[in-house]
Amino acid sequence: MPDTVDNVVGILKKKRRAVNEVMVVTGRADICVIMQGTMDEINGAVIDFKKIKDIVSTETMMEVEVDMGW
């Protein structure tokens, strides 16, 4: 439902802890949040996200640096 997505985006944009960017996306997820901070800050933010009634599930992906030797 478009109104639900807009409402959740509005709530997420008001959260300042660790949140850099909030965007509507296509595919398996409806919303993507780019975050930066310590593991504790990110974990706390994700726990806060799960308290938002219209968020059904979350998936956290961490950026890692890998030296492939290329």
Protein backbone atom coordinates (compact mmCIF):
# COMPACT_ATOMS: atom_id res chain seq x y z
CA MET A 1 0.00 0.00 0.00
CA PRO A 2 1.58 3.30 -1.08
CA ASP A 3 0.34 5.23 1.96
CA THR A 4 1.93 2.68 4.27
CA VAL A 5 5.30 2.96 2.53
CA ASP A 6 5.14 6.77 2.61
CA ASN A 7 4.26 6.72 6.32
CA VAL A 8 7.12 4.37 7.19
CA VAL A 9 9.59 6.42 5.10
CA GLY A 10 8.49 9.54 6.98
CA ILE A 11 9.05 7.84 10.34
CA LEU A 12 12.45 6.48 9.30
CA LYS A 13 13.63 9.86 8.00
CA LYS A 14 12.99 11.35 11.45
CA LYS A 15 15.34 8.84 13.07
CA ARG A 16 18.78 10.35 13.31
CA ARG A 17 20.81 7.66 15.05
CA ALA A 18 22.98 5.97 12.42
CA VAL A 19 20.54 6.71 9.54
CA ASN A 20 22.17 8.34 6.49
CA GLU A 21 19.58 7.80 3.76
CA VAL A 22 16.08 6.34 3.36
CA MET A 23 14.80 5.36 -0.08
CA VAL A 24 11.89 3.51 -1.68
CA VAL A 25 13.14 0.59 -3.78
CA THR A 26 11.73 -2.16 -5.98
CA GLY A 27 12.17 -5.88 -5.49
CA ARG A 28 11.89 -7.99 -2.36
CA ALA A 29 12.00 -4.93 -0.08
CA ASP A 30 9.95 -1.74 -0.26
CA ILE A 31 12.37 0.53 1.65
CA CYS A 32 16.15 0.62 1.96
CA VAL A 33 17.94 2.48 4.76
CA ILE A 34 21.64 3.28 4.45
CA MET A 35 23.23 3.57 7.89
CA GLN A 36 26.65 4.38 9.25
CA GLY A 37 27.83 3.95 12.81
CA THR A 38 29.18 1.47 15.30
CA MET A 39 27.75 -2.02 15.48
CA ASP A 40 25.91 -1.02 18.67
CA GLU A 41 24.40 2.08 17.01
CA ILE A 42 23.25 0.12 13.97
CA ASN A 43 21.88 -2.71 16.12
CA GLY A 44 19.97 -0.20 18.27
CA ALA A 45 18.52 1.48 15.18
CA VAL A 46 17.36 -1.85 13.71
CA ILE A 47 15.74 -2.78 17.02
CA ASP A 48 13.93 0.60 16.94
CA PHE A 49 12.81 -0.08 13.35
CA LYS A 50 11.19 -3.34 14.44
CA LYS A 51 8.99 -1.36 16.86
CA ILE A 52 7.32 0.44 13.92
CA LYS A 53 3.99 -1.39 13.46
CA ASP A 54 4.00 -1.32 9.63
CA ILE A 55 7.46 -2.88 9.31
CA VAL A 56 6.90 -6.58 8.73
CA SER A 57 10.53 -7.71 8.56
CA THR A 58 14.05 -6.35 8.28
CA GLU A 59 17.23 -7.60 6.65
CA THR A 60 20.63 -6.20 7.58
CA MET A 61 23.54 -6.30 5.14
CA MET A 62 26.98 -5.09 6.17
CA GLU A 63 29.53 -3.73 3.74
CA VAL A 64 32.86 -5.52 4.01
CA GLU A 65 36.17 -4.98 2.32
CA VAL A 66 37.66 -8.08 0.73
CA ASP A 67 41.03 -8.18 -0.98
CA MET A 68 40.46 -10.42 -3.99
CA GLY A 69 44.05 -9.93 -5.13
CA TRP A 70 43.05 -8.54 -8.50
